[in-house]
Every structure is written in C-alpha cells, then in structure tokens.
C-alpha cells in the first residue's frame, strides 16, 4: 500500500472544496445576507476567518522548499518505517504517556513523510487551488 501523502491529501481536500464551491456558490451567495441577519454576522465572520486561515496556509506552503533538504526521499522512507514500527508497537504500549509519545511521533512523521512528494509543480497546484478558493469565498462575501 502506498504511503499516505500529506500534499496529495491536501490537494484532494482543496479540489473537493473548490468543486463544491463551483457548483453551489450561486446558491450560497444570496443566502449569506439573511443568514448574517439571523446570526449577527457570524456567517460573514466564518468566511472571513476561513479566508484568513487559507492565506496563512498559502504562506506556509510558499515557505516550503524541498530542494534545500538533501536526501529528502530517504528521510521520507525513514519516516514511513518509523510510522510502521510505532503503529505496530502501539498495542503493547498502552500507558497514557506512551500513547501521547506515539501520537507525537506520528504527527511529526505525517508532516515529514508528506514532504517527499512536494515538488515545485505540486506546490504550485496547491497554492493555485488555495487562491481560487479564496477568490470564491470573497465572491460570497461581496
């Protein structure tokens, strides 16, 4: 089974959300103002917060430069081996502090493991999707 990839997962989630927005934004937009009246502006606040988060995500993705990490593919393979080892050991390590340590390791492995698939093309695709979603969300607020 291929390793789970952080950027493939992110790209899929962004694509799914973008596809949803493309098919529903004409229906959602007219509902924003009445919903804002019912919720004291919470719907517009939600959209603004989502736009802010997406801008922060875009900034973080922009900062990633896999070319500066020598042996990134090997580190990715290493992280997948660590994940397999830790997940296999999970059933024997049942104390709460052990479970916390396991989760901490798995969280780091999830990030590092996904970096191996980050190419300039994938990075740009993710950034373009984020920007397209931001544009759609701004349209909903206008």
N, C-alpha and C. Protein backbone atom coordinates (compact mmCIF):
# COMPACT_ATOMS: atom_id res chain seq x y z
N UNK A 1 0.84 -1.17 0.00
CA UNK A 1 0.00 0.00 0.00
C UNK A 1 0.89 1.24 0.00
N UNK A 2 0.62 2.22 -0.88
CA UNK A 2 1.47 3.41 -0.91
C UNK A 2 1.30 4.24 0.35
N UNK A 3 2.36 4.96 0.69
CA UNK A 3 2.32 5.80 1.88
C UNK A 3 1.33 6.94 1.69
N UNK A 4 0.66 7.27 2.78
CA UNK A 4 -0.25 8.41 2.74
C UNK A 4 0.59 9.67 2.52
N UNK A 5 0.10 10.54 1.69
CA UNK A 5 0.87 11.71 1.32
C UNK A 5 0.12 12.97 1.75
N UNK A 6 0.76 13.75 2.58
CA UNK A 6 0.19 14.99 3.10
C UNK A 6 -0.28 15.91 1.99
N UNK A 7 0.52 16.09 0.96
CA UNK A 7 0.18 17.04 -0.10
C UNK A 7 -0.88 16.49 -1.04
N UNK A 8 -0.90 15.19 -1.26
CA UNK A 8 -1.99 14.60 -2.04
C UNK A 8 -3.31 14.76 -1.29
N UNK A 9 -3.27 14.53 0.02
CA UNK A 9 -4.47 14.70 0.84
C UNK A 9 -4.94 16.15 0.84
N UNK A 10 -4.00 17.08 0.97
CA UNK A 10 -4.34 18.49 0.97
C UNK A 10 -4.92 18.90 -0.38
N UNK A 11 -4.27 18.46 -1.45
CA UNK A 11 -4.74 18.78 -2.80
C UNK A 11 -6.14 18.21 -3.04
N UNK A 12 -6.39 17.01 -2.57
CA UNK A 12 -7.72 16.40 -2.73
C UNK A 12 -8.76 17.18 -1.95
N UNK A 13 -8.45 17.54 -0.71
CA UNK A 13 -9.40 18.30 0.11
C UNK A 13 -9.69 19.66 -0.54
N UNK A 14 -8.65 20.32 -1.03
CA UNK A 14 -8.84 21.61 -1.70
C UNK A 14 -9.66 21.45 -2.98
N UNK A 15 -9.35 20.42 -3.77
CA UNK A 15 -10.11 20.16 -5.00
C UNK A 15 -11.58 19.88 -4.70
N UNK A 16 -11.81 19.05 -3.68
CA UNK A 16 -13.19 18.73 -3.31
C UNK A 16 -13.96 19.98 -2.90
N UNK A 17 -13.31 20.83 -2.09
CA UNK A 17 -13.97 22.04 -1.63
C UNK A 17 -14.20 23.01 -2.79
N UNK A 18 -13.22 23.12 -3.67
CA UNK A 18 -13.34 24.00 -4.84
C UNK A 18 -14.47 23.52 -5.75
N UNK A 19 -14.56 22.23 -5.98
CA UNK A 19 -15.63 21.66 -6.80
C UNK A 19 -16.99 21.96 -6.17
N UNK A 20 -17.09 21.80 -4.85
CA UNK A 20 -18.32 22.11 -4.15
C UNK A 20 -18.69 23.59 -4.33
N UNK A 21 -17.71 24.47 -4.11
CA UNK A 21 -17.97 25.90 -4.27
C UNK A 21 -18.41 26.24 -5.69
N UNK A 22 -17.74 25.65 -6.67
CA UNK A 22 -18.08 25.91 -8.07
C UNK A 22 -19.53 25.55 -8.36
N UNK A 23 -20.00 24.47 -7.75
CA UNK A 23 -21.36 24.02 -8.04
C UNK A 23 -22.42 24.71 -7.18
N UNK A 24 -22.01 25.32 -6.05
CA UNK A 24 -23.01 25.85 -5.10
C UNK A 24 -22.90 27.34 -4.80
N UNK A 25 -21.85 28.02 -5.29
CA UNK A 25 -21.68 29.41 -4.86
C UNK A 25 -22.83 30.31 -5.30
N UNK A 26 -23.46 30.03 -6.43
CA UNK A 26 -24.59 30.83 -6.88
C UNK A 26 -25.80 30.66 -5.95
N UNK A 27 -25.89 29.52 -5.31
CA UNK A 27 -26.98 29.25 -4.37
C UNK A 27 -26.64 29.80 -2.98
N UNK A 28 -25.37 29.70 -2.61
CA UNK A 28 -24.94 30.12 -1.27
C UNK A 28 -24.93 31.65 -1.13
N UNK A 29 -24.44 32.34 -2.15
CA UNK A 29 -24.26 33.80 -2.07
C UNK A 29 -25.54 34.53 -1.63
N UNK A 30 -26.70 34.27 -2.25
CA UNK A 30 -27.90 35.01 -1.83
C UNK A 30 -28.36 34.67 -0.39
N UNK A 31 -27.88 33.55 0.13
CA UNK A 31 -28.28 33.15 1.49
C UNK A 31 -27.42 33.82 2.57
N UNK A 32 -26.28 34.39 2.19
CA UNK A 32 -25.35 34.95 3.18
C UNK A 32 -25.99 36.10 3.97
N UNK A 33 -26.56 37.08 3.30
CA UNK A 33 -27.12 38.25 4.00
C UNK A 33 -28.24 37.86 4.97
N UNK A 34 -29.23 37.05 4.55
CA UNK A 34 -30.26 36.66 5.52
C UNK A 34 -29.70 35.84 6.69
N UNK A 35 -28.73 34.99 6.39
CA UNK A 35 -28.13 34.21 7.48
C UNK A 35 -27.34 35.11 8.42
N UNK A 36 -26.68 36.12 7.87
CA UNK A 36 -25.97 37.08 8.72
C UNK A 36 -26.94 37.81 9.65
N UNK A 37 -28.11 38.14 9.13
CA UNK A 37 -29.11 38.81 9.98
C UNK A 37 -29.56 37.90 11.12
N UNK A 38 -29.71 36.64 10.83
CA UNK A 38 -30.14 35.68 11.85
C UNK A 38 -29.05 35.36 12.87
N UNK A 39 -27.80 35.50 12.44
CA UNK A 39 -26.68 35.07 13.30
C UNK A 39 -25.76 36.22 13.73
N UNK A 40 -26.25 37.44 13.62
CA UNK A 40 -25.43 38.61 13.98
C UNK A 40 -24.09 38.64 13.25
N UNK A 41 -24.13 38.35 11.97
CA UNK A 41 -22.93 38.44 11.14
C UNK A 41 -21.97 37.27 11.25
N UNK A 42 -22.38 36.20 11.89
CA UNK A 42 -21.48 35.06 12.10
C UNK A 42 -21.09 34.35 10.81
N UNK A 43 -21.96 34.35 9.81
CA UNK A 43 -21.64 33.66 8.56
C UNK A 43 -20.54 34.41 7.82
N UNK A 44 -20.65 35.73 7.75
CA UNK A 44 -19.57 36.52 7.13
C UNK A 44 -18.28 36.40 7.93
N UNK A 45 -18.43 36.35 9.24
CA UNK A 45 -17.25 36.17 10.10
C UNK A 45 -16.59 34.81 9.83
N UNK A 46 -17.40 33.79 9.64
CA UNK A 46 -16.89 32.45 9.32
C UNK A 46 -16.11 32.50 8.01
N UNK A 47 -16.66 33.15 7.01
CA UNK A 47 -16.00 33.23 5.70
C UNK A 47 -14.69 34.02 5.82
N UNK A 48 -14.72 35.12 6.55
CA UNK A 48 -13.51 35.92 6.76
C UNK A 48 -12.44 35.11 7.47
N UNK A 49 -12.83 34.37 8.49
CA UNK A 49 -11.87 33.53 9.23
C UNK A 49 -11.30 32.45 8.33
N UNK A 50 -12.13 31.85 7.50
CA UNK A 50 -11.67 30.82 6.57
C UNK A 50 -10.68 31.41 5.56
N UNK A 51 -10.99 32.60 5.06
CA UNK A 51 -10.07 33.28 4.13
C UNK A 51 -8.73 33.53 4.82
N UNK A 52 -8.76 34.00 6.06
CA UNK A 52 -7.52 34.25 6.81
C UNK A 52 -6.71 32.96 6.98
N UNK A 53 -7.39 31.88 7.34
CA UNK A 53 -6.70 30.60 7.51
C UNK A 53 -6.09 30.12 6.19
N UNK A 54 -6.83 30.26 5.12
CA UNK A 54 -6.31 29.83 3.81
C UNK A 54 -5.12 30.68 3.39
N UNK A 55 -5.15 31.97 3.68
CA UNK A 55 -3.98 32.81 3.39
C UNK A 55 -2.77 32.37 4.20
N UNK A 56 -2.99 32.00 5.45
CA UNK A 56 -1.88 31.50 6.29
C UNK A 56 -1.36 30.18 5.76
N UNK A 57 -2.26 29.30 5.32
CA UNK A 57 -1.85 28.03 4.74
C UNK A 57 -1.03 28.27 3.48
N UNK A 58 -1.49 29.19 2.65
CA UNK A 58 -0.77 29.52 1.41
C UNK A 58 0.63 30.03 1.74
N UNK A 59 0.73 30.89 2.76
CA UNK A 59 2.04 31.40 3.18
C UNK A 59 2.97 30.27 3.63
N UNK A 60 2.43 29.32 4.39
CA UNK A 60 3.24 28.20 4.87
C UNK A 60 3.70 27.32 3.71
N UNK A 61 2.80 27.04 2.77
CA UNK A 61 3.17 26.23 1.61
C UNK A 61 4.23 26.96 0.79
N UNK A 62 4.08 28.27 0.64
CA UNK A 62 5.07 29.06 -0.10
C UNK A 62 6.46 28.96 0.52
N UNK A 63 6.52 28.82 1.83
CA UNK A 63 7.81 28.76 2.53
C UNK A 63 8.54 27.43 2.28
N UNK A 64 7.79 26.40 1.92
CA UNK A 64 8.40 25.07 1.75
C UNK A 64 9.25 25.01 0.50
N UNK A 65 10.47 24.58 0.67
CA UNK A 65 11.38 24.41 -0.46
C UNK A 65 12.11 23.08 -0.28
N UNK A 66 11.55 22.02 -0.85
CA UNK A 66 12.15 20.70 -0.65
C UNK A 66 13.56 20.57 -1.23
N UNK A 67 13.93 21.45 -2.13
CA UNK A 67 15.26 21.35 -2.75
C UNK A 67 16.38 21.66 -1.75
N UNK A 68 16.05 22.28 -0.63
CA UNK A 68 17.11 22.61 0.34
C UNK A 68 17.39 21.47 1.32
N UNK A 69 16.60 20.39 1.23
CA UNK A 69 16.78 19.25 2.13
C UNK A 69 17.45 18.12 1.37
N UNK A 70 18.75 17.88 1.64
CA UNK A 70 19.42 16.77 0.95
C UNK A 70 18.86 15.43 1.44
N UNK A 71 18.67 14.51 0.54
CA UNK A 71 18.20 13.17 0.91
C UNK A 71 16.76 13.13 1.36
N UNK A 72 15.95 14.05 0.86
CA UNK A 72 14.56 14.13 1.30
C UNK A 72 13.80 12.83 1.05
N UNK A 73 14.03 12.19 -0.08
CA UNK A 73 13.35 10.93 -0.36
C UNK A 73 13.72 9.86 0.67
N UNK A 74 14.99 9.83 1.08
CA UNK A 74 15.43 8.86 2.09
C UNK A 74 14.80 9.15 3.45
N UNK A 75 14.69 10.43 3.78
CA UNK A 75 14.06 10.81 5.04
C UNK A 75 12.58 10.43 5.01
N UNK A 76 11.96 10.60 3.86
CA UNK A 76 10.56 10.21 3.72
C UNK A 76 10.41 8.70 3.93
N UNK A 77 11.29 7.92 3.35
CA UNK A 77 11.27 6.46 3.54
C UNK A 77 11.51 6.11 5.00
N UNK A 78 12.46 6.81 5.63
CA UNK A 78 12.75 6.61 7.05
C UNK A 78 11.49 6.89 7.88
N UNK A 79 10.80 7.98 7.57
CA UNK A 79 9.61 8.32 8.35
C UNK A 79 8.52 7.28 8.19
N UNK A 80 8.39 6.71 7.00
CA UNK A 80 7.39 5.65 6.80
C UNK A 80 7.76 4.40 7.60
N UNK A 81 9.06 4.10 7.68
CA UNK A 81 9.50 2.96 8.50
C UNK A 81 9.22 3.22 9.97
N UNK A 82 9.45 4.45 10.41
CA UNK A 82 9.16 4.81 11.80
C UNK A 82 7.66 4.65 12.07
N UNK A 83 6.84 5.13 11.14
CA UNK A 83 5.38 5.03 11.29
C UNK A 83 4.96 3.57 11.45
N UNK A 84 5.46 2.71 10.60
CA UNK A 84 5.12 1.29 10.66
C UNK A 84 5.53 0.70 12.00
N UNK A 85 6.75 1.00 12.44
CA UNK A 85 7.26 0.50 13.71
C UNK A 85 6.40 0.97 14.88
N UNK A 86 6.12 2.25 14.92
CA UNK A 86 5.37 2.83 16.04
C UNK A 86 3.93 2.31 16.05
N UNK A 87 3.30 2.26 14.89
CA UNK A 87 1.92 1.77 14.85
C UNK A 87 1.84 0.30 15.24
N UNK A 88 2.84 -0.47 14.88
CA UNK A 88 2.88 -1.88 15.25
C UNK A 88 3.08 -2.04 16.76
N UNK A 89 3.82 -1.13 17.36
CA UNK A 89 4.12 -1.19 18.80
C UNK A 89 2.98 -0.64 19.66
N UNK A 90 2.07 0.06 19.05
CA UNK A 90 1.00 0.76 19.78
C UNK A 90 0.21 -0.14 20.72
N UNK A 91 -0.07 -1.33 20.30
CA UNK A 91 -0.91 -2.21 21.11
C UNK A 91 -0.21 -2.68 22.38
N UNK A 92 1.12 -2.67 22.37
CA UNK A 92 1.86 -3.08 23.56
C UNK A 92 2.17 -1.90 24.49
N UNK A 93 2.16 -0.72 23.96
CA UNK A 93 2.46 0.49 24.74
C UNK A 93 1.14 1.20 25.03
N UNK A 94 0.53 0.86 26.16
CA UNK A 94 -0.84 1.31 26.42
C UNK A 94 -0.97 2.39 27.49
N UNK A 95 0.12 2.74 28.15
CA UNK A 95 0.03 3.77 29.18
C UNK A 95 -0.23 5.12 28.52
N UNK A 96 -0.96 6.00 29.20
CA UNK A 96 -1.30 7.30 28.59
C UNK A 96 -0.08 8.08 28.10
N UNK A 97 1.00 8.10 28.87
CA UNK A 97 2.18 8.86 28.42
C UNK A 97 2.82 8.21 27.19
N UNK A 98 2.71 6.89 27.09
CA UNK A 98 3.24 6.20 25.91
C UNK A 98 2.37 6.52 24.69
N UNK A 99 1.06 6.56 24.89
CA UNK A 99 0.16 6.89 23.80
C UNK A 99 0.37 8.32 23.32
N UNK A 100 0.66 9.23 24.26
CA UNK A 100 0.94 10.61 23.87
C UNK A 100 2.23 10.69 23.07
N UNK A 101 3.24 9.94 23.50
CA UNK A 101 4.52 9.93 22.77
C UNK A 101 4.32 9.34 21.37
N UNK A 102 3.54 8.29 21.28
CA UNK A 102 3.26 7.66 19.99
C UNK A 102 2.57 8.68 19.07
N UNK A 103 1.57 9.38 19.60
CA UNK A 103 0.86 10.35 18.77
C UNK A 103 1.78 11.48 18.33
N UNK A 104 2.66 11.91 19.22
CA UNK A 104 3.62 12.97 18.85
C UNK A 104 4.52 12.51 17.71
N UNK A 105 5.00 11.29 17.80
CA UNK A 105 5.86 10.74 16.74
C UNK A 105 5.07 10.65 15.43
N UNK A 106 3.83 10.15 15.51
CA UNK A 106 3.03 10.01 14.30
C UNK A 106 2.69 11.36 13.66
N UNK A 107 2.50 12.38 14.50
CA UNK A 107 2.24 13.72 13.96
C UNK A 107 3.43 14.23 13.16
N UNK A 108 4.62 14.06 13.71
CA UNK A 108 5.84 14.52 13.01
C UNK A 108 6.05 13.69 11.74
N UNK A 109 5.87 12.39 11.86
CA UNK A 109 6.05 11.50 10.71
C UNK A 109 5.07 11.88 9.59
N UNK A 110 3.86 12.29 9.96
CA UNK A 110 2.88 12.69 8.96
C UNK A 110 3.34 13.88 8.15
N UNK A 111 3.96 14.84 8.81
CA UNK A 111 4.45 16.02 8.11
C UNK A 111 5.69 15.69 7.29
N UNK A 112 6.67 15.07 7.94
CA UNK A 112 7.93 14.76 7.25
C UNK A 112 7.68 13.77 6.11
N UNK A 113 6.83 12.79 6.34
CA UNK A 113 6.55 11.80 5.31
C UNK A 113 5.92 12.40 4.07
N UNK A 114 5.15 13.45 4.25
CA UNK A 114 4.50 14.09 3.12
C UNK A 114 5.39 15.01 2.31
N UNK A 115 6.48 15.44 2.90
CA UNK A 115 7.35 16.37 2.21
C UNK A 115 8.05 15.76 1.00
N UNK A 116 8.26 14.46 1.02
CA UNK A 116 8.96 13.80 -0.08
C UNK A 116 8.25 13.93 -1.41
N UNK A 117 6.94 14.12 -1.36
CA UNK A 117 6.18 14.23 -2.60
C UNK A 117 5.98 15.68 -3.03
N UNK A 118 6.53 16.60 -2.26
CA UNK A 118 6.37 18.00 -2.61
C UNK A 118 7.34 18.37 -3.71
N UNK A 119 6.80 18.64 -4.85
CA UNK A 119 7.59 19.12 -5.98
C UNK A 119 7.15 20.55 -6.26
N UNK A 120 7.88 21.23 -7.10
CA UNK A 120 7.50 22.58 -7.48
C UNK A 120 6.12 22.59 -8.11
N UNK A 121 5.83 21.58 -8.91
CA UNK A 121 4.53 21.50 -9.58
C UNK A 121 3.41 21.30 -8.56
N UNK A 122 3.58 20.36 -7.64
CA UNK A 122 2.55 20.09 -6.63
C UNK A 122 2.36 21.33 -5.76
N UNK A 123 3.46 21.94 -5.36
CA UNK A 123 3.40 23.15 -4.55
C UNK A 123 2.57 24.22 -5.26
N UNK A 124 2.82 24.44 -6.54
CA UNK A 124 2.09 25.46 -7.29
C UNK A 124 0.61 25.09 -7.44
N UNK A 125 0.32 23.81 -7.64
CA UNK A 125 -1.06 23.37 -7.75
C UNK A 125 -1.82 23.65 -6.45
N UNK A 126 -1.19 23.38 -5.33
CA UNK A 126 -1.81 23.63 -4.03
C UNK A 126 -2.04 25.13 -3.84
N UNK A 127 -1.04 25.93 -4.14
CA UNK A 127 -1.16 27.39 -4.00
C UNK A 127 -2.27 27.93 -4.91
N UNK A 128 -2.33 27.44 -6.15
CA UNK A 128 -3.36 27.89 -7.09
C UNK A 128 -4.77 27.52 -6.59
N UNK A 129 -4.90 26.32 -6.04
CA UNK A 129 -6.20 25.90 -5.50
C UNK A 129 -6.61 26.77 -4.32
N UNK A 130 -5.67 27.02 -3.43
CA UNK A 130 -5.96 27.87 -2.27
C UNK A 130 -6.42 29.24 -2.75
N UNK A 131 -5.70 29.83 -3.69
CA UNK A 131 -6.06 31.16 -4.19
C UNK A 131 -7.42 31.15 -4.87
N UNK A 132 -7.72 30.11 -5.62
CA UNK A 132 -9.02 30.02 -6.28
C UNK A 132 -10.16 29.94 -5.26
N UNK A 133 -9.94 29.20 -4.18
CA UNK A 133 -10.95 29.10 -3.12
C UNK A 133 -11.12 30.44 -2.43
N UNK A 134 -10.01 31.12 -2.15
CA UNK A 134 -10.09 32.46 -1.53
C UNK A 134 -10.91 33.40 -2.41
N UNK A 135 -10.67 33.36 -3.71
CA UNK A 135 -11.42 34.20 -4.65
C UNK A 135 -12.91 33.88 -4.58
N UNK A 136 -13.25 32.59 -4.55
CA UNK A 136 -14.66 32.20 -4.45
C UNK A 136 -15.27 32.66 -3.14
N UNK A 137 -14.53 32.53 -2.05
CA UNK A 137 -15.05 32.96 -0.75
C UNK A 137 -15.25 34.48 -0.70
N UNK A 138 -14.34 35.21 -1.32
CA UNK A 138 -14.51 36.66 -1.39
C UNK A 138 -15.74 37.02 -2.21
N UNK A 139 -16.01 36.27 -3.27
CA UNK A 139 -17.20 36.47 -4.06
C UNK A 139 -18.47 36.27 -3.19
N UNK A 140 -18.44 35.27 -2.32
CA UNK A 140 -19.59 35.01 -1.47
C UNK A 140 -19.87 36.18 -0.53
N UNK A 141 -18.82 36.85 -0.11
CA UNK A 141 -18.97 37.99 0.82
C UNK A 141 -19.34 39.28 0.11
N UNK A 142 -19.11 39.37 -1.19
CA UNK A 142 -19.32 40.65 -1.90
C UNK A 142 -20.79 40.95 -2.12
